[in-house]
Amino acid sequence: MLVNKWIYIALALLLGNFGVHKFYAQKPISGLLHLVFCWTGIPQVIAIISAVLALLKPADEQGNIQV
């Protein structure tokens, strides 16, 4: 799924604990897992890792990346 790189990174850093970036990337199962385990803090760590990995991916001419 192609998503805007900067929106995905912002969602991962700001609302990653709730899986909003996964819902934005059309991955509802992963988003629900983030939401179910949001009280543990583990989804936030995973979201930060996802944001860093997205930051390192090259974007196309429209600013989109494949996730």
C-alpha atoms as a PDB file:
ATOM      1  CA  MET A   1       0.000   0.000   0.000  1.00  0.00           C
ATOM      2  CA  LEU A   2       1.303   3.423  -0.910  1.00  0.00           C
ATOM      3  CA  VAL A   3       1.038   6.076   1.790  1.00  0.00           C
ATOM      4  CA  ASN A   4       2.377   9.568   2.192  1.00  0.00           C
ATOM      5  CA  LYS A   5       5.737   9.296   3.926  1.00  0.00           C
ATOM      6  CA  TRP A   6       5.431  12.309   6.226  1.00  0.00           C
ATOM      7  CA  ILE A   7       1.835  11.656   7.274  1.00  0.00           C
ATOM      8  CA  TYR A   8       2.728   8.040   8.108  1.00  0.00           C
ATOM      9  CA  ILE A   9       5.737   9.132  10.186  1.00  0.00           C
ATOM     10  CA  ALA A  10       3.712  11.801  12.026  1.00  0.00           C
ATOM     11  CA  LEU A  11       0.920   9.349  12.809  1.00  0.00           C
ATOM     12  CA  ALA A  12       3.412   6.730  13.991  1.00  0.00           C
ATOM     13  CA  LEU A  13       5.153   9.143  16.333  1.00  0.00           C
ATOM     14  CA  LEU A  14       2.085  10.931  17.673  1.00  0.00           C
ATOM     15  CA  LEU A  15      -0.593   8.225  17.716  1.00  0.00           C
ATOM     16  CA  GLY A  16       1.423   5.068  17.186  1.00  0.00           C
ATOM     17  CA  ASN A  17       0.445   3.644  20.540  1.00  0.00           C
ATOM     18  CA  PHE A  18      -3.116   3.304  19.207  1.00  0.00           C
ATOM     19  CA  GLY A  19      -2.127   1.958  15.782  1.00  0.00           C
ATOM     20  CA  VAL A  20      -3.458   4.906  13.789  1.00  0.00           C
ATOM     21  CA  HIS A  21      -0.545   4.679  11.341  1.00  0.00           C
ATOM     22  CA  LYS A  22      -1.427   1.031  10.641  1.00  0.00           C
ATOM     23  CA  PHE A  23      -5.060   1.911   9.942  1.00  0.00           C
ATOM     24  CA  TYR A  24      -3.815   4.701   7.631  1.00  0.00           C
ATOM     25  CA  ALA A  25      -1.707   2.118   5.762  1.00  0.00           C
ATOM     26  CA  GLN A  26      -4.791  -0.132   5.321  1.00  0.00           C
ATOM     27  CA  LYS A  27      -3.514  -2.767   7.778  1.00  0.00           C
ATOM     28  CA  PRO A  28      -6.474  -3.128  10.155  1.00  0.00           C
ATOM     29  CA  ILE A  29      -5.299  -6.334  11.841  1.00  0.00           C
ATOM     30  CA  SER A  30      -2.012  -4.727  12.884  1.00  0.00           C
ATOM     31  CA  GLY A  31      -3.907  -1.615  13.925  1.00  0.00           C
ATOM     32  CA  LEU A  32      -6.222  -3.632  16.128  1.00  0.00           C
ATOM     33  CA  LEU A  33      -3.273  -5.420  17.733  1.00  0.00           C
ATOM     34  CA  HIS A  34      -1.705  -2.044  18.523  1.00  0.00           C
ATOM     35  CA  LEU A  35      -5.015  -0.905  19.967  1.00  0.00           C
ATOM     36  CA  VAL A  36      -5.495  -4.033  22.101  1.00  0.00           C
ATOM     37  CA  PHE A  37      -2.003  -3.829  23.594  1.00  0.00           C
ATOM     38  CA  CYS A  38      -1.767  -0.022  23.848  1.00  0.00           C
ATOM     39  CA  TRP A  39      -1.752  -0.212  27.657  1.00  0.00           C
ATOM     40  CA  THR A  40       1.594  -2.098  27.621  1.00  0.00           C
ATOM     41  CA  GLY A  41       3.664   0.511  25.803  1.00  0.00           C
ATOM     42  CA  ILE A  42       5.023  -2.085  23.394  1.00  0.00           C
ATOM     43  CA  PRO A  43       3.047  -0.682  20.411  1.00  0.00           C
ATOM     44  CA  GLN A  44       4.687   2.705  20.968  1.00  0.00           C
ATOM     45  CA  VAL A  45       8.146   1.153  20.670  1.00  0.00           C
ATOM     46  CA  ILE A  46       7.065  -0.683  17.511  1.00  0.00           C
ATOM     47  CA  ALA A  47       5.580   2.553  16.133  1.00  0.00           C
ATOM     48  CA  ILE A  48       8.840   4.432  16.692  1.00  0.00           C
ATOM     49  CA  ILE A  49      10.724   1.668  14.883  1.00  0.00           C
ATOM     50  CA  SER A  50       8.168   1.848  12.036  1.00  0.00           C
ATOM     51  CA  ALA A  51       8.641   5.624  11.827  1.00  0.00           C
ATOM     52  CA  VAL A  52      12.427   5.303  11.628  1.00  0.00           C
ATOM     53  CA  LEU A  53      12.166   2.615   8.944  1.00  0.00           C
ATOM     54  CA  ALA A  54       9.730   4.788   6.969  1.00  0.00           C
ATOM     55  CA  LEU A  55      12.107   7.726   7.310  1.00  0.00           C
ATOM     56  CA  LEU A  56      14.892   5.683   5.726  1.00  0.00           C
ATOM     57  CA  LYS A  57      12.776   4.586   2.731  1.00  0.00           C
ATOM     58  CA  PRO A  58      13.089   6.678  -0.436  1.00  0.00           C
ATOM     59  CA  ALA A  59       9.848   8.344  -1.501  1.00  0.00           C
ATOM     60  CA  ASP A  60       8.559   8.572  -5.050  1.00  0.00           C
ATOM     61  CA  GLU A  61       7.926  11.886  -6.815  1.00  0.00           C
ATOM     62  CA  GLN A  62       4.570  12.311  -5.017  1.00  0.00           C
ATOM     63  CA  GLY A  63       6.152  11.688  -1.600  1.00  0.00           C
ATOM     64  CA  ASN A  64       4.675   8.203  -1.165  1.00  0.00           C
ATOM     65  CA  ILE A  65       6.324   5.069   0.192  1.00  0.00           C
ATOM     66  CA  GLN A  66       5.414   1.402   0.110  1.00  0.00           C
ATOM     67  CA  VAL A  67       4.551  -0.063   3.531  1.00  0.00           C
END
